[in-house]
N, C-alpha and C. Protein backbone atom coordinates (compact mmCIF):
# COMPACT_ATOMS: atom_id res chain seq x y z
N MET A 1 -45.56 -65.90 21.89
CA MET A 1 -45.04 -64.65 22.32
C MET A 1 -45.66 -63.57 21.46
N ASN A 2 -45.93 -62.42 22.07
CA ASN A 2 -46.62 -61.32 21.41
C ASN A 2 -45.58 -60.37 20.79
N PRO A 3 -45.60 -60.10 19.47
CA PRO A 3 -44.62 -59.23 18.82
C PRO A 3 -44.89 -57.75 19.04
N LEU A 4 -46.00 -57.38 19.70
CA LEU A 4 -46.35 -55.98 19.93
C LEU A 4 -45.35 -55.20 20.78
N PRO A 5 -44.80 -55.73 21.85
CA PRO A 5 -43.88 -54.91 22.63
C PRO A 5 -42.63 -54.50 21.83
N PHE A 6 -42.27 -55.22 20.81
CA PHE A 6 -41.10 -54.87 20.03
C PHE A 6 -41.38 -53.81 18.97
N ARG A 7 -42.65 -53.65 18.59
CA ARG A 7 -43.01 -52.70 17.57
C ARG A 7 -42.65 -51.25 17.99
N PRO A 8 -42.98 -50.78 19.20
CA PRO A 8 -42.59 -49.42 19.59
C PRO A 8 -41.07 -49.27 19.64
N LEU A 9 -40.40 -50.30 20.08
CA LEU A 9 -38.95 -50.24 20.14
C LEU A 9 -38.36 -50.17 18.73
N ALA A 10 -38.90 -50.87 17.79
CA ALA A 10 -38.44 -50.84 16.40
C ALA A 10 -38.73 -49.48 15.78
N ALA A 11 -39.90 -48.91 16.10
CA ALA A 11 -40.27 -47.61 15.55
C ALA A 11 -39.34 -46.53 16.11
N LEU A 12 -39.04 -46.62 17.41
CA LEU A 12 -38.14 -45.65 18.04
C LEU A 12 -36.74 -45.77 17.45
N SER A 13 -36.28 -46.97 17.20
CA SER A 13 -34.95 -47.17 16.59
C SER A 13 -34.92 -46.59 15.19
N ALA A 14 -35.96 -46.80 14.41
CA ALA A 14 -36.01 -46.27 13.05
C ALA A 14 -36.02 -44.75 13.07
N LEU A 15 -36.76 -44.17 14.02
CA LEU A 15 -36.82 -42.72 14.14
C LEU A 15 -35.44 -42.14 14.50
N LEU A 16 -34.76 -42.76 15.46
CA LEU A 16 -33.45 -42.29 15.86
C LEU A 16 -32.43 -42.41 14.72
N LEU A 17 -32.49 -43.50 13.99
CA LEU A 17 -31.60 -43.65 12.85
C LEU A 17 -31.88 -42.59 11.78
N GLY A 18 -33.13 -42.27 11.58
CA GLY A 18 -33.51 -41.25 10.61
C GLY A 18 -33.03 -39.87 11.05
N LEU A 19 -33.15 -39.58 12.34
CA LEU A 19 -32.69 -38.29 12.85
C LEU A 19 -31.18 -38.17 12.79
N ALA A 20 -30.51 -39.27 13.00
CA ALA A 20 -29.05 -39.25 12.95
C ALA A 20 -28.57 -38.91 11.54
N ALA A 21 -29.31 -39.32 10.55
CA ALA A 21 -28.92 -39.05 9.17
C ALA A 21 -29.36 -37.66 8.72
N LEU A 22 -30.30 -37.04 9.42
CA LEU A 22 -30.85 -35.75 9.03
C LEU A 22 -29.80 -34.65 8.89
N PRO A 23 -28.88 -34.45 9.82
CA PRO A 23 -27.92 -33.38 9.62
C PRO A 23 -27.09 -33.54 8.35
N ALA A 24 -26.86 -34.77 7.93
CA ALA A 24 -26.08 -34.99 6.73
C ALA A 24 -26.82 -34.48 5.50
N TRP A 25 -28.17 -34.56 5.49
CA TRP A 25 -28.91 -34.09 4.33
C TRP A 25 -29.14 -32.59 4.39
N SER A 26 -29.40 -32.06 5.59
CA SER A 26 -29.80 -30.66 5.70
C SER A 26 -28.62 -29.70 5.66
N GLN A 27 -27.46 -30.17 5.99
CA GLN A 27 -26.31 -29.26 5.99
C GLN A 27 -25.59 -29.37 4.66
N THR A 28 -25.34 -28.22 4.09
CA THR A 28 -24.51 -28.20 2.90
C THR A 28 -23.26 -27.43 3.25
N ALA A 29 -22.20 -27.80 2.64
CA ALA A 29 -20.94 -27.13 2.93
C ALA A 29 -21.03 -25.69 2.45
N ALA A 30 -20.68 -24.76 3.32
CA ALA A 30 -20.66 -23.35 2.93
C ALA A 30 -19.50 -23.15 1.97
N PRO A 31 -19.71 -22.28 0.99
CA PRO A 31 -18.60 -22.05 0.06
C PRO A 31 -17.42 -21.45 0.81
N ALA A 32 -16.25 -21.87 0.43
CA ALA A 32 -15.04 -21.34 1.07
C ALA A 32 -14.92 -19.86 0.77
N PRO A 33 -14.59 -19.04 1.77
CA PRO A 33 -14.46 -17.62 1.49
C PRO A 33 -13.32 -17.37 0.52
N ALA A 34 -13.51 -16.38 -0.31
CA ALA A 34 -12.46 -16.04 -1.26
C ALA A 34 -11.25 -15.53 -0.48
N PRO A 35 -10.07 -15.95 -0.87
CA PRO A 35 -8.89 -15.48 -0.14
C PRO A 35 -8.73 -13.97 -0.32
N ALA A 36 -8.33 -13.32 0.75
CA ALA A 36 -8.11 -11.88 0.68
C ALA A 36 -6.90 -11.62 -0.21
N THR A 37 -7.08 -10.73 -1.13
CA THR A 37 -5.98 -10.40 -2.02
C THR A 37 -5.65 -8.92 -1.88
N ALA A 38 -4.46 -8.57 -2.28
CA ALA A 38 -4.02 -7.19 -2.18
C ALA A 38 -4.26 -6.45 -3.48
N ALA A 39 -4.91 -7.08 -4.45
CA ALA A 39 -5.11 -6.43 -5.73
C ALA A 39 -5.94 -5.16 -5.59
N GLY A 40 -6.93 -5.16 -4.71
CA GLY A 40 -7.78 -3.99 -4.54
C GLY A 40 -7.00 -2.78 -4.08
N PRO A 41 -6.41 -2.81 -2.89
CA PRO A 41 -5.67 -1.64 -2.41
C PRO A 41 -4.46 -1.30 -3.28
N THR A 42 -3.78 -2.31 -3.76
CA THR A 42 -2.60 -2.05 -4.60
C THR A 42 -3.00 -1.32 -5.87
N SER A 43 -4.01 -1.84 -6.57
CA SER A 43 -4.41 -1.22 -7.83
C SER A 43 -4.97 0.18 -7.61
N LYS A 44 -5.63 0.39 -6.49
CA LYS A 44 -6.16 1.73 -6.20
C LYS A 44 -5.02 2.72 -5.98
N LEU A 45 -4.02 2.32 -5.21
CA LEU A 45 -2.87 3.21 -4.97
C LEU A 45 -2.09 3.45 -6.27
N VAL A 46 -1.91 2.40 -7.05
CA VAL A 46 -1.19 2.55 -8.31
C VAL A 46 -1.95 3.53 -9.21
N GLY A 47 -3.26 3.40 -9.28
CA GLY A 47 -4.06 4.31 -10.09
C GLY A 47 -3.98 5.75 -9.60
N THR A 48 -3.99 5.92 -8.29
CA THR A 48 -3.93 7.26 -7.70
C THR A 48 -2.60 7.94 -7.97
N TYR A 49 -1.51 7.18 -7.91
CA TYR A 49 -0.17 7.79 -7.99
C TYR A 49 0.57 7.55 -9.31
N THR A 50 -0.12 7.05 -10.33
CA THR A 50 0.53 6.81 -11.62
C THR A 50 1.06 8.10 -12.23
N GLU A 51 0.26 9.14 -12.27
CA GLU A 51 0.71 10.40 -12.87
C GLU A 51 1.88 10.99 -12.08
N PHE A 52 1.78 10.96 -10.77
CA PHE A 52 2.83 11.48 -9.90
C PHE A 52 4.14 10.70 -10.11
N ALA A 53 4.04 9.38 -10.20
CA ALA A 53 5.23 8.53 -10.33
C ALA A 53 5.79 8.50 -11.75
N GLY A 54 5.03 8.97 -12.71
CA GLY A 54 5.52 9.02 -14.08
C GLY A 54 5.07 7.88 -14.96
N SER A 55 4.62 6.78 -14.35
CA SER A 55 4.14 5.64 -15.14
C SER A 55 3.47 4.65 -14.18
N PRO A 56 2.61 3.78 -14.74
CA PRO A 56 2.02 2.74 -13.89
C PRO A 56 3.08 1.81 -13.29
N GLU A 57 4.15 1.56 -14.05
CA GLU A 57 5.22 0.68 -13.56
C GLU A 57 5.93 1.31 -12.36
N ASN A 58 6.20 2.62 -12.43
CA ASN A 58 6.84 3.30 -11.30
C ASN A 58 5.93 3.31 -10.09
N ALA A 59 4.64 3.59 -10.31
CA ALA A 59 3.70 3.61 -9.19
C ALA A 59 3.61 2.22 -8.54
N ALA A 60 3.58 1.18 -9.37
CA ALA A 60 3.53 -0.20 -8.85
C ALA A 60 4.81 -0.53 -8.09
N ALA A 61 5.96 -0.07 -8.60
CA ALA A 61 7.23 -0.33 -7.91
C ALA A 61 7.27 0.37 -6.56
N LEU A 62 6.74 1.59 -6.49
CA LEU A 62 6.69 2.31 -5.21
C LEU A 62 5.82 1.57 -4.21
N VAL A 63 4.61 1.21 -4.63
CA VAL A 63 3.69 0.52 -3.71
C VAL A 63 4.27 -0.81 -3.27
N LYS A 64 4.79 -1.59 -4.21
CA LYS A 64 5.35 -2.91 -3.85
C LYS A 64 6.56 -2.76 -2.92
N GLY A 65 7.46 -1.85 -3.26
CA GLY A 65 8.66 -1.68 -2.44
C GLY A 65 8.33 -1.20 -1.03
N LEU A 66 7.40 -0.26 -0.92
CA LEU A 66 7.02 0.24 0.41
C LEU A 66 6.25 -0.82 1.19
N ARG A 67 5.46 -1.62 0.50
CA ARG A 67 4.66 -2.66 1.15
C ARG A 67 5.52 -3.82 1.64
N THR A 68 6.55 -4.17 0.86
CA THR A 68 7.33 -5.38 1.18
C THR A 68 8.71 -5.09 1.74
N GLY A 69 9.17 -3.84 1.63
CA GLY A 69 10.52 -3.52 2.08
C GLY A 69 11.60 -3.91 1.09
N THR A 70 11.21 -4.19 -0.13
CA THR A 70 12.18 -4.57 -1.16
C THR A 70 12.66 -3.32 -1.91
N PRO A 71 13.78 -3.41 -2.62
CA PRO A 71 14.27 -2.24 -3.37
C PRO A 71 13.24 -1.73 -4.38
N ILE A 72 13.22 -0.42 -4.54
CA ILE A 72 12.31 0.26 -5.46
C ILE A 72 13.13 0.76 -6.64
N THR A 73 12.76 0.35 -7.84
CA THR A 73 13.45 0.79 -9.05
C THR A 73 12.48 1.61 -9.88
N LEU A 74 12.88 2.85 -10.15
CA LEU A 74 12.07 3.78 -10.94
C LEU A 74 12.83 4.14 -12.21
N THR A 75 12.10 4.27 -13.31
CA THR A 75 12.71 4.71 -14.56
C THR A 75 11.91 5.88 -15.12
N GLN A 76 12.59 6.71 -15.88
CA GLN A 76 11.94 7.84 -16.51
C GLN A 76 11.60 7.46 -17.93
N ALA A 77 10.45 7.93 -18.40
CA ALA A 77 10.07 7.65 -19.78
C ALA A 77 11.10 8.27 -20.71
N PRO A 78 11.59 7.53 -21.68
CA PRO A 78 12.62 8.08 -22.57
C PRO A 78 12.05 9.19 -23.45
N ALA A 79 12.82 10.22 -23.61
CA ALA A 79 12.44 11.30 -24.53
C ALA A 79 12.70 10.83 -25.95
N PRO A 80 11.89 11.29 -26.90
CA PRO A 80 12.11 10.87 -28.29
C PRO A 80 13.52 11.24 -28.76
N GLY A 81 14.21 10.26 -29.29
CA GLY A 81 15.55 10.48 -29.81
C GLY A 81 16.64 10.53 -28.75
N ALA A 82 16.28 10.44 -27.51
CA ALA A 82 17.28 10.49 -26.42
C ALA A 82 17.74 9.08 -26.08
N PRO A 83 18.91 8.96 -25.48
CA PRO A 83 19.34 7.62 -25.06
C PRO A 83 18.43 7.10 -23.95
N PRO A 84 18.35 5.81 -23.81
CA PRO A 84 17.48 5.26 -22.76
C PRO A 84 17.91 5.76 -21.39
N PRO A 85 16.95 6.09 -20.55
CA PRO A 85 17.29 6.61 -19.23
C PRO A 85 17.83 5.51 -18.32
N THR A 86 18.56 5.92 -17.33
CA THR A 86 19.05 4.97 -16.35
C THR A 86 18.00 4.80 -15.26
N ALA A 87 18.06 3.70 -14.59
CA ALA A 87 17.12 3.42 -13.51
C ALA A 87 17.66 4.00 -12.21
N THR A 88 16.74 4.39 -11.35
CA THR A 88 17.07 4.86 -10.01
C THR A 88 16.53 3.83 -9.04
N THR A 89 17.40 3.25 -8.22
CA THR A 89 16.99 2.23 -7.27
C THR A 89 17.34 2.66 -5.86
N PHE A 90 16.40 2.48 -4.95
CA PHE A 90 16.61 2.79 -3.54
C PHE A 90 15.73 1.90 -2.69
N THR A 91 16.05 1.82 -1.42
CA THR A 91 15.26 1.05 -0.47
C THR A 91 14.77 2.00 0.61
N ALA A 92 13.51 1.87 0.96
CA ALA A 92 12.93 2.73 2.00
C ALA A 92 13.61 2.44 3.34
N PRO A 93 13.87 3.48 4.12
CA PRO A 93 14.50 3.27 5.43
C PRO A 93 13.52 2.78 6.49
N THR A 94 12.26 2.67 6.13
CA THR A 94 11.23 2.20 7.07
C THR A 94 11.07 0.70 6.93
N ARG A 95 10.36 0.12 7.88
CA ARG A 95 9.96 -1.29 7.74
C ARG A 95 8.84 -1.36 6.71
N PRO A 96 8.47 -2.55 6.28
CA PRO A 96 7.34 -2.66 5.35
C PRO A 96 6.11 -1.95 5.92
N MET A 97 5.37 -1.31 5.04
CA MET A 97 4.25 -0.46 5.44
C MET A 97 2.91 -1.03 5.00
N GLY A 98 1.87 -0.67 5.73
CA GLY A 98 0.51 -0.99 5.33
C GLY A 98 0.05 -0.02 4.26
N TYR A 99 -1.07 -0.33 3.63
CA TYR A 99 -1.56 0.49 2.54
C TYR A 99 -1.88 1.91 2.97
N GLY A 100 -2.43 2.09 4.16
CA GLY A 100 -2.74 3.43 4.65
C GLY A 100 -1.48 4.27 4.82
N ASN A 101 -0.43 3.67 5.36
CA ASN A 101 0.84 4.39 5.52
C ASN A 101 1.49 4.70 4.18
N ILE A 102 1.34 3.80 3.22
CA ILE A 102 1.87 4.07 1.88
C ILE A 102 1.16 5.27 1.27
N LYS A 103 -0.15 5.31 1.42
CA LYS A 103 -0.92 6.43 0.88
C LYS A 103 -0.47 7.75 1.52
N ILE A 104 -0.28 7.75 2.82
CA ILE A 104 0.16 8.97 3.52
C ILE A 104 1.55 9.37 3.05
N ALA A 105 2.47 8.41 2.98
CA ALA A 105 3.85 8.72 2.57
C ALA A 105 3.89 9.32 1.17
N LEU A 106 3.16 8.73 0.24
CA LEU A 106 3.17 9.23 -1.13
C LEU A 106 2.47 10.58 -1.23
N ALA A 107 1.40 10.78 -0.47
CA ALA A 107 0.70 12.08 -0.49
C ALA A 107 1.61 13.18 0.06
N LEU A 108 2.35 12.88 1.15
CA LEU A 108 3.27 13.88 1.70
C LEU A 108 4.42 14.17 0.74
N ALA A 109 4.96 13.14 0.10
CA ALA A 109 6.04 13.35 -0.87
C ALA A 109 5.53 14.18 -2.05
N GLN A 110 4.34 13.88 -2.50
CA GLN A 110 3.76 14.64 -3.61
C GLN A 110 3.57 16.10 -3.21
N ASN A 111 3.08 16.34 -2.00
CA ASN A 111 2.90 17.70 -1.52
C ASN A 111 4.23 18.43 -1.38
N GLN A 112 5.24 17.71 -0.87
CA GLN A 112 6.56 18.30 -0.70
C GLN A 112 7.13 18.75 -2.05
N LEU A 113 7.03 17.91 -3.05
CA LEU A 113 7.54 18.26 -4.37
C LEU A 113 6.71 19.39 -5.00
N ALA A 114 5.40 19.35 -4.82
CA ALA A 114 4.56 20.42 -5.36
C ALA A 114 4.91 21.76 -4.74
N SER A 115 5.29 21.74 -3.45
CA SER A 115 5.68 22.99 -2.79
C SER A 115 6.97 23.56 -3.38
N GLN A 116 7.74 22.71 -4.07
CA GLN A 116 8.96 23.14 -4.74
C GLN A 116 8.71 23.43 -6.23
N GLY A 117 7.44 23.36 -6.63
CA GLY A 117 7.09 23.61 -8.02
C GLY A 117 7.25 22.41 -8.93
N VAL A 118 7.44 21.24 -8.35
CA VAL A 118 7.65 20.01 -9.14
C VAL A 118 6.35 19.22 -9.19
N THR A 119 5.75 19.15 -10.38
CA THR A 119 4.51 18.39 -10.52
C THR A 119 4.70 17.09 -11.28
N ASN A 120 5.75 17.01 -12.09
CA ASN A 120 6.10 15.78 -12.81
C ASN A 120 7.53 15.41 -12.43
N PRO A 121 7.70 14.82 -11.24
CA PRO A 121 9.06 14.57 -10.76
C PRO A 121 9.79 13.48 -11.54
N THR A 122 11.10 13.63 -11.56
CA THR A 122 11.96 12.59 -12.11
C THR A 122 12.10 11.50 -11.05
N PRO A 123 12.59 10.33 -11.44
CA PRO A 123 12.83 9.30 -10.43
C PRO A 123 13.77 9.78 -9.32
N GLN A 124 14.76 10.59 -9.66
CA GLN A 124 15.69 11.09 -8.64
C GLN A 124 14.98 12.05 -7.68
N GLN A 125 14.05 12.85 -8.19
CA GLN A 125 13.29 13.76 -7.33
C GLN A 125 12.35 12.97 -6.42
N LEU A 126 11.75 11.90 -6.94
CA LEU A 126 10.91 11.03 -6.11
C LEU A 126 11.74 10.40 -4.99
N GLN A 127 12.91 9.91 -5.36
CA GLN A 127 13.80 9.30 -4.36
C GLN A 127 14.14 10.34 -3.30
N GLY A 128 14.47 11.55 -3.69
CA GLY A 128 14.83 12.58 -2.73
C GLY A 128 13.68 12.94 -1.81
N ALA A 129 12.46 13.03 -2.35
CA ALA A 129 11.30 13.36 -1.52
C ALA A 129 11.00 12.26 -0.52
N LEU A 130 11.31 11.03 -0.88
CA LEU A 130 11.01 9.89 0.01
C LEU A 130 12.15 9.58 0.99
N VAL A 131 13.37 9.54 0.50
CA VAL A 131 14.47 9.12 1.39
C VAL A 131 15.50 10.21 1.67
N GLY A 132 15.31 11.38 1.07
CA GLY A 132 16.21 12.49 1.35
C GLY A 132 17.29 12.62 0.30
N THR A 133 17.93 13.79 0.31
CA THR A 133 19.00 14.06 -0.65
C THR A 133 20.11 14.85 0.00
N THR A 134 21.27 14.74 -0.54
CA THR A 134 22.39 15.59 -0.18
C THR A 134 22.87 16.23 -1.47
N THR A 135 22.86 17.55 -1.48
CA THR A 135 23.23 18.30 -2.68
C THR A 135 24.48 19.12 -2.40
N VAL A 136 25.43 19.07 -3.31
CA VAL A 136 26.61 19.91 -3.20
C VAL A 136 26.31 21.21 -3.96
N ASN A 137 26.33 22.32 -3.25
CA ASN A 137 26.04 23.62 -3.83
C ASN A 137 27.24 24.14 -4.62
N PRO A 138 27.02 25.10 -5.52
CA PRO A 138 28.12 25.64 -6.32
C PRO A 138 29.28 26.18 -5.47
N ASN A 139 28.99 26.65 -4.26
CA ASN A 139 30.06 27.19 -3.41
C ASN A 139 30.78 26.09 -2.62
N GLY A 140 30.41 24.85 -2.84
CA GLY A 140 31.08 23.74 -2.17
C GLY A 140 30.41 23.25 -0.89
N THR A 141 29.43 23.97 -0.40
CA THR A 141 28.71 23.52 0.80
C THR A 141 27.70 22.46 0.40
N THR A 142 27.29 21.67 1.37
CA THR A 142 26.30 20.64 1.10
C THR A 142 24.99 20.97 1.81
N THR A 143 23.92 20.63 1.17
CA THR A 143 22.60 20.79 1.75
C THR A 143 21.96 19.41 1.83
N THR A 144 21.52 19.04 3.02
CA THR A 144 20.86 17.75 3.21
C THR A 144 19.39 17.99 3.49
N THR A 145 18.55 17.31 2.74
CA THR A 145 17.10 17.39 2.93
C THR A 145 16.61 16.02 3.35
N GLN A 146 15.87 15.99 4.45
CA GLN A 146 15.32 14.71 4.89
C GLN A 146 14.10 14.36 4.06
N GLY A 147 14.00 13.11 3.69
CA GLY A 147 12.83 12.63 2.97
C GLY A 147 11.74 12.22 3.94
N VAL A 148 10.54 12.10 3.42
CA VAL A 148 9.37 11.72 4.22
C VAL A 148 9.61 10.40 4.95
N LEU A 149 10.13 9.40 4.24
CA LEU A 149 10.35 8.09 4.86
C LEU A 149 11.50 8.12 5.86
N GLN A 150 12.49 8.94 5.59
CA GLN A 150 13.61 9.08 6.52
C GLN A 150 13.11 9.67 7.85
N MET A 151 12.23 10.68 7.76
CA MET A 151 11.66 11.27 8.98
C MET A 151 10.81 10.24 9.72
N ARG A 152 10.05 9.46 8.98
CA ARG A 152 9.21 8.42 9.60
C ARG A 152 10.07 7.38 10.29
N ALA A 153 11.16 6.97 9.65
CA ALA A 153 12.06 5.97 10.23
C ALA A 153 12.74 6.49 11.49
N SER A 154 12.91 7.81 11.58
CA SER A 154 13.56 8.38 12.76
C SER A 154 12.59 8.50 13.94
N GLY A 155 11.34 8.12 13.74
CA GLY A 155 10.38 8.10 14.84
C GLY A 155 9.32 9.17 14.79
N MET A 156 9.33 10.03 13.79
CA MET A 156 8.32 11.07 13.68
C MET A 156 6.99 10.47 13.23
N GLY A 157 5.91 11.02 13.75
CA GLY A 157 4.58 10.62 13.30
C GLY A 157 4.23 11.37 12.03
N TRP A 158 3.19 10.89 11.34
CA TRP A 158 2.79 11.53 10.08
C TRP A 158 2.39 12.98 10.29
N GLY A 159 1.69 13.27 11.37
CA GLY A 159 1.30 14.65 11.65
C GLY A 159 2.51 15.54 11.88
N GLN A 160 3.51 15.02 12.57
CA GLN A 160 4.74 15.79 12.81
C GLN A 160 5.47 16.05 11.49
N ILE A 161 5.50 15.06 10.63
CA ILE A 161 6.15 15.22 9.33
C ILE A 161 5.43 16.29 8.51
N ALA A 162 4.10 16.22 8.47
CA ALA A 162 3.33 17.22 7.74
C ALA A 162 3.58 18.61 8.32
N ASN A 163 3.57 18.72 9.66
CA ASN A 163 3.82 20.02 10.29
C ASN A 163 5.20 20.55 9.95
N SER A 164 6.20 19.67 9.87
CA SER A 164 7.56 20.12 9.52
C SER A 164 7.61 20.66 8.09
N MET A 165 6.63 20.25 7.27
CA MET A 165 6.54 20.72 5.90
C MET A 165 5.64 21.95 5.78
N GLY A 166 5.07 22.37 6.91
CA GLY A 166 4.21 23.55 6.91
C GLY A 166 2.78 23.30 6.49
N VAL A 167 2.33 22.05 6.58
CA VAL A 167 0.95 21.71 6.21
C VAL A 167 0.32 20.86 7.31
N LYS A 168 -0.98 20.71 7.23
CA LYS A 168 -1.71 19.83 8.14
C LYS A 168 -1.98 18.51 7.41
N LEU A 169 -1.81 17.42 8.12
CA LEU A 169 -1.96 16.11 7.51
C LEU A 169 -3.36 15.92 6.91
N GLY A 170 -4.39 16.35 7.62
CA GLY A 170 -5.75 16.20 7.11
C GLY A 170 -5.95 16.91 5.79
N ALA A 171 -5.36 18.09 5.67
CA ALA A 171 -5.48 18.85 4.42
C ALA A 171 -4.76 18.14 3.27
N VAL A 172 -3.61 17.56 3.57
CA VAL A 172 -2.87 16.82 2.54
C VAL A 172 -3.67 15.61 2.08
N MET A 173 -4.21 14.86 3.04
CA MET A 173 -4.91 13.63 2.69
C MET A 173 -6.24 13.91 1.97
N SER A 174 -6.85 15.05 2.24
CA SER A 174 -8.11 15.37 1.56
C SER A 174 -7.85 16.02 0.22
N GLY A 175 -6.58 16.34 -0.07
CA GLY A 175 -6.24 16.98 -1.32
C GLY A 175 -6.46 18.49 -1.29
N LYS A 176 -6.70 19.04 -0.09
CA LYS A 176 -6.96 20.47 0.02
C LYS A 176 -5.77 21.28 0.50
N ALA A 177 -4.62 20.62 0.65
CA ALA A 177 -3.45 21.34 1.13
C ALA A 177 -2.87 22.17 0.01
N ALA A 178 -2.61 23.41 0.34
CA ALA A 178 -1.92 24.28 -0.62
C ALA A 178 -0.44 23.97 -0.49
N ALA A 179 0.23 23.91 -1.58
CA ALA A 179 1.67 23.66 -1.54
C ALA A 179 2.33 24.77 -0.75
N ALA A 180 3.13 24.38 0.23
CA ALA A 180 3.77 25.37 1.11
C ALA A 180 4.82 26.16 0.39
């Protein structure tokens, strides 16, 4: 019997087996993508609003509370020789917010307070700008001011909120809004 007819069949089998193994050598596992983290936007917002909030801790509490819908606790830096300040805790009336909405809410609150001449707000003033306040006047009447988040929770858009404050949203976000 002639072994020649089996030689092409053996060569073809060897070639097919070699090709079957080729993808295993040529493919390397792609590195797993890094998990998306919130450190970037969070740290940027905290850095932007630290001075406004009074401390990095207050700015972080604002961003975290607005992002997650959890209570926000703000404290004022103690004055030298003064008793330790009390904490102010509140919960936003809105649902948890995205980073863009947090930036808008804080920019509008900052603008609202600046329009009242407040550039270094207390935790209570921050709370009032965000969720509103009710003040009893010396004559016994009460004045209620809606906060930025309270207006948002009632269904107003950011542009409507800015307009109610006498400013344009674009000007506030670009930092070019004059305090009303």
